[in-house]
C-alpha atoms as a PDB file:
ATOM      1  CA  UNK A   1     190.067 139.002 -59.819  1.00  0.00           C
ATOM      2  CA  UNK A   2     191.031 137.860 -57.011  1.00  0.00           C
ATOM      3  CA  UNK A   3     190.290 133.822 -56.763  1.00  0.00           C
ATOM      4  CA  UNK A   4     188.767 132.241 -59.614  1.00  0.00           C
ATOM      5  CA  UNK A   5     187.242 129.298 -57.376  1.00  0.00           C
ATOM      6  CA  UNK A   6     186.137 127.991 -54.820  1.00  0.00           C
ATOM      7  CA  UNK A   7     189.424 127.149 -52.497  1.00  0.00           C
ATOM      8  CA  UNK A   8     188.087 126.732 -49.427  1.00  0.00           C
ATOM      9  CA  UNK A   9     185.199 124.852 -47.831  1.00  0.00           C
ATOM     10  CA  UNK A  10     183.379 127.249 -46.888  1.00  0.00           C
ATOM     11  CA  UNK A  11     183.078 129.465 -50.355  1.00  0.00           C
ATOM     12  CA  UNK A  12     180.334 130.155 -52.228  1.00  0.00           C
ATOM     13  CA  UNK A  13     179.595 130.602 -55.969  1.00  0.00           C
ATOM     14  CA  UNK A  14     177.616 132.441 -57.450  1.00  0.00           C
ATOM     15  CA  UNK A  15     177.539 133.255 -60.892  1.00  0.00           C
ATOM     16  CA  UNK A  16     174.855 133.655 -64.169  1.00  0.00           C
ATOM     17  CA  UNK A  17     175.669 132.921 -67.477  1.00  0.00           C
ATOM     18  CA  UNK A  18     174.214 134.327 -70.670  1.00  0.00           C
ATOM     19  CA  UNK A  19     175.839 132.638 -73.511  1.00  0.00           C
ATOM     20  CA  UNK A  20     173.620 133.512 -76.344  1.00  0.00           C
ATOM     21  CA  UNK A  21     174.791 137.602 -74.800  1.00  0.00           C
ATOM     22  CA  UNK A  22     178.566 136.477 -74.619  1.00  0.00           C
ATOM     23  CA  UNK A  23     177.447 137.290 -70.373  1.00  0.00           C
ATOM     24  CA  UNK A  24     179.499 135.410 -68.073  1.00  0.00           C
ATOM     25  CA  UNK A  25     179.678 136.164 -64.270  1.00  0.00           C
ATOM     26  CA  UNK A  26     180.634 134.935 -61.294  1.00  0.00           C
ATOM     27  CA  UNK A  27     181.931 135.229 -57.750  1.00  0.00           C
ATOM     28  CA  UNK A  28     183.145 134.115 -55.568  1.00  0.00           C
ATOM     29  CA  UNK A  29     182.508 134.464 -51.812  1.00  0.00           C
ATOM     30  CA  UNK A  30     184.160 133.985 -48.229  1.00  0.00           C
ATOM     31  CA  UNK A  31     183.266 135.022 -45.383  1.00  0.00           C
ATOM     32  CA  UNK A  32     180.783 137.826 -46.150  1.00  0.00           C
ATOM     33  CA  UNK A  33     182.815 139.695 -48.950  1.00  0.00           C
ATOM     34  CA  UNK A  34     184.324 138.738 -52.515  1.00  0.00           C
ATOM     35  CA  UNK A  35     187.341 137.063 -52.545  1.00  0.00           C
ATOM     36  CA  UNK A  36     187.150 137.008 -56.946  1.00  0.00           C
ATOM     37  CA  UNK A  37     184.739 136.801 -60.034  1.00  0.00           C
ATOM     38  CA  UNK A  38     184.999 136.747 -62.861  1.00  0.00           C
ATOM     39  CA  UNK A  39     183.210 139.612 -65.178  1.00  0.00           C
ATOM     40  CA  UNK A  40     182.219 139.389 -69.433  1.00  0.00           C
ATOM     41  CA  UNK A  41     179.815 141.268 -70.996  1.00  0.00           C
ATOM     42  CA  UNK A  42     178.208 142.761 -68.470  1.00  0.00           C
ATOM     43  CA  UNK A  43     179.872 146.765 -67.864  1.00  0.00           C
ATOM     44  CA  UNK A  44     177.737 147.706 -65.137  1.00  0.00           C
ATOM     45  CA  UNK A  45     178.390 145.094 -62.312  1.00  0.00           C
ATOM     46  CA  UNK A  46     181.588 145.459 -62.799  1.00  0.00           C
ATOM     47  CA  UNK A  47     182.952 149.082 -61.313  1.00  0.00           C
ATOM     48  CA  UNK A  48     180.895 148.347 -58.511  1.00  0.00           C
ATOM     49  CA  UNK A  49     182.076 144.631 -57.974  1.00  0.00           C
ATOM     50  CA  UNK A  50     185.626 145.733 -58.255  1.00  0.00           C
ATOM     51  CA  UNK A  51     185.100 148.599 -55.148  1.00  0.00           C
ATOM     52  CA  UNK A  52     183.629 145.880 -53.214  1.00  0.00           C
ATOM     53  CA  UNK A  53     186.448 144.280 -53.431  1.00  0.00           C
ATOM     54  CA  UNK A  54     188.844 146.044 -53.533  1.00  0.00           C
ATOM     55  CA  UNK A  55     187.164 147.751 -50.501  1.00  0.00           C
ATOM     56  CA  UNK A  56     186.737 144.054 -48.406  1.00  0.00           C
ATOM     57  CA  UNK A  57     182.701 145.486 -48.130  1.00  0.00           C
ATOM     58  CA  UNK A  58     180.567 142.984 -46.767  1.00  0.00           C
ATOM     59  CA  UNK A  59     177.747 141.450 -48.557  1.00  0.00           C
ATOM     60  CA  UNK A  60     175.190 140.833 -45.907  1.00  0.00           C
ATOM     61  CA  UNK A  61     172.353 138.144 -47.157  1.00  0.00           C
ATOM     62  CA  UNK A  62     172.729 139.567 -50.315  1.00  0.00           C
ATOM     63  CA  UNK A  63     175.028 137.136 -52.755  1.00  0.00           C
ATOM     64  CA  UNK A  64     173.243 137.607 -56.233  1.00  0.00           C
ATOM     65  CA  UNK A  65     171.981 141.235 -56.540  1.00  0.00           C
ATOM     66  CA  UNK A  66     175.905 142.017 -56.847  1.00  0.00           C
ATOM     67  CA  UNK A  67     175.462 140.703 -60.442  1.00  0.00           C
ATOM     68  CA  UNK A  68     172.779 142.878 -61.270  1.00  0.00           C
ATOM     69  CA  UNK A  69     172.579 146.642 -61.663  1.00  0.00           C
ATOM     70  CA  UNK A  70     169.905 147.681 -59.196  1.00  0.00           C
ATOM     71  CA  UNK A  71     168.186 150.811 -61.545  1.00  0.00           C
ATOM     72  CA  UNK A  72     165.910 153.025 -59.216  1.00  0.00           C
ATOM     73  CA  UNK A  73     164.076 155.720 -60.269  1.00  0.00           C
ATOM     74  CA  UNK A  74     162.385 159.214 -58.852  1.00  0.00           C
ATOM     75  CA  UNK A  75     158.811 158.334 -60.921  1.00  0.00           C
ATOM     76  CA  UNK A  76     156.692 157.252 -62.509  1.00  0.00           C
ATOM     77  CA  UNK A  77     157.597 159.102 -65.968  1.00  0.00           C
ATOM     78  CA  UNK A  78     161.159 158.134 -65.450  1.00  0.00           C
ATOM     79  CA  UNK A  79     160.344 154.504 -65.183  1.00  0.00           C
ATOM     80  CA  UNK A  80     158.242 154.553 -68.526  1.00  0.00           C
ATOM     81  CA  UNK A  81     161.462 156.602 -70.334  1.00  0.00           C
ATOM     82  CA  UNK A  82     163.917 153.912 -69.176  1.00  0.00           C
ATOM     83  CA  UNK A  83     161.370 150.884 -70.130  1.00  0.00           C
ATOM     84  CA  UNK A  84     161.171 152.605 -73.645  1.00  0.00           C
ATOM     85  CA  UNK A  85     165.027 151.637 -74.080  1.00  0.00           C
ATOM     86  CA  UNK A  86     164.384 147.992 -72.758  1.00  0.00           C
ATOM     87  CA  UNK A  87     166.435 148.984 -68.935  1.00  0.00           C
ATOM     88  CA  UNK A  88     163.454 147.945 -66.487  1.00  0.00           C
ATOM     89  CA  UNK A  89     163.363 149.541 -62.961  1.00  0.00           C
ATOM     90  CA  UNK A  90     163.816 147.925 -58.559  1.00  0.00           C
ATOM     91  CA  UNK A  91     163.229 150.323 -56.955  1.00  0.00           C
ATOM     92  CA  UNK A  92     160.666 153.721 -57.890  1.00  0.00           C
ATOM     93  CA  UNK A  93     159.293 155.590 -54.212  1.00  0.00           C
ATOM     94  CA  UNK A  94     155.624 156.143 -53.460  1.00  0.00           C
ATOM     95  CA  UNK A  95     156.588 159.959 -53.478  1.00  0.00           C
ATOM     96  CA  UNK A  96     158.749 161.436 -56.083  1.00  0.00           C
ATOM     97  CA  UNK A  97     161.735 163.321 -54.081  1.00  0.00           C
ATOM     98  CA  UNK A  98     164.924 162.299 -53.229  1.00  0.00           C
ATOM     99  CA  UNK A  99     164.236 161.343 -49.882  1.00  0.00           C
ATOM    100  CA  UNK A 100     161.669 159.015 -50.396  1.00  0.00           C
ATOM    101  CA  UNK A 101     164.044 157.075 -53.414  1.00  0.00           C
ATOM    102  CA  UNK A 102     166.534 156.470 -51.008  1.00  0.00           C
ATOM    103  CA  UNK A 103     163.901 155.653 -48.378  1.00  0.00           C
ATOM    104  CA  UNK A 104     162.652 153.065 -50.748  1.00  0.00           C
ATOM    105  CA  UNK A 105     166.086 151.819 -52.145  1.00  0.00           C
ATOM    106  CA  UNK A 106     167.174 151.545 -48.217  1.00  0.00           C
ATOM    107  CA  UNK A 107     164.099 149.318 -48.094  1.00  0.00           C
ATOM    108  CA  UNK A 108     164.815 147.596 -50.781  1.00  0.00           C
ATOM    109  CA  UNK A 109     168.432 146.755 -50.039  1.00  0.00           C
ATOM    110  CA  UNK A 110     167.022 146.080 -46.315  1.00  0.00           C
ATOM    111  CA  UNK A 111     169.488 148.576 -45.001  1.00  0.00           C
ATOM    112  CA  UNK A 112     167.814 150.256 -42.594  1.00  0.00           C
ATOM    113  CA  UNK A 113     168.836 147.153 -39.490  1.00  0.00           C
ATOM    114  CA  UNK A 114     172.403 146.316 -41.103  1.00  0.00           C
ATOM    115  CA  UNK A 115     174.942 147.518 -42.422  1.00  0.00           C
ATOM    116  CA  UNK A 116     175.655 146.293 -45.793  1.00  0.00           C
ATOM    117  CA  UNK A 117     177.764 147.472 -48.906  1.00  0.00           C
ATOM    118  CA  UNK A 118     175.528 149.123 -51.208  1.00  0.00           C
ATOM    119  CA  UNK A 119     175.536 146.706 -54.989  1.00  0.00           C
END
């Protein structure tokens, strides 16, 4: 989608590769948005990145986070169940309720002080 290589002097390249698993992810960041990218082997990141590209979303300081899915859990039981399946969660609220979960996600992404698109 879009640019496959940097073309402007201030373009940034954010990438990750794990050849043994067939994973390659690369974003071309121009200004504060996604100018293009290549995603192979990790379908979990494709939809949000494509949407951010289509919406010309601003990324803020969170470039690398777009390459890795953020899993949030409502509480310890959910976290343990996901862990059994090899899925690591990054966000869990102190109180297992929806409001605190949203607040924990906002804090994780530092969205409380800026308007940044969600990965």
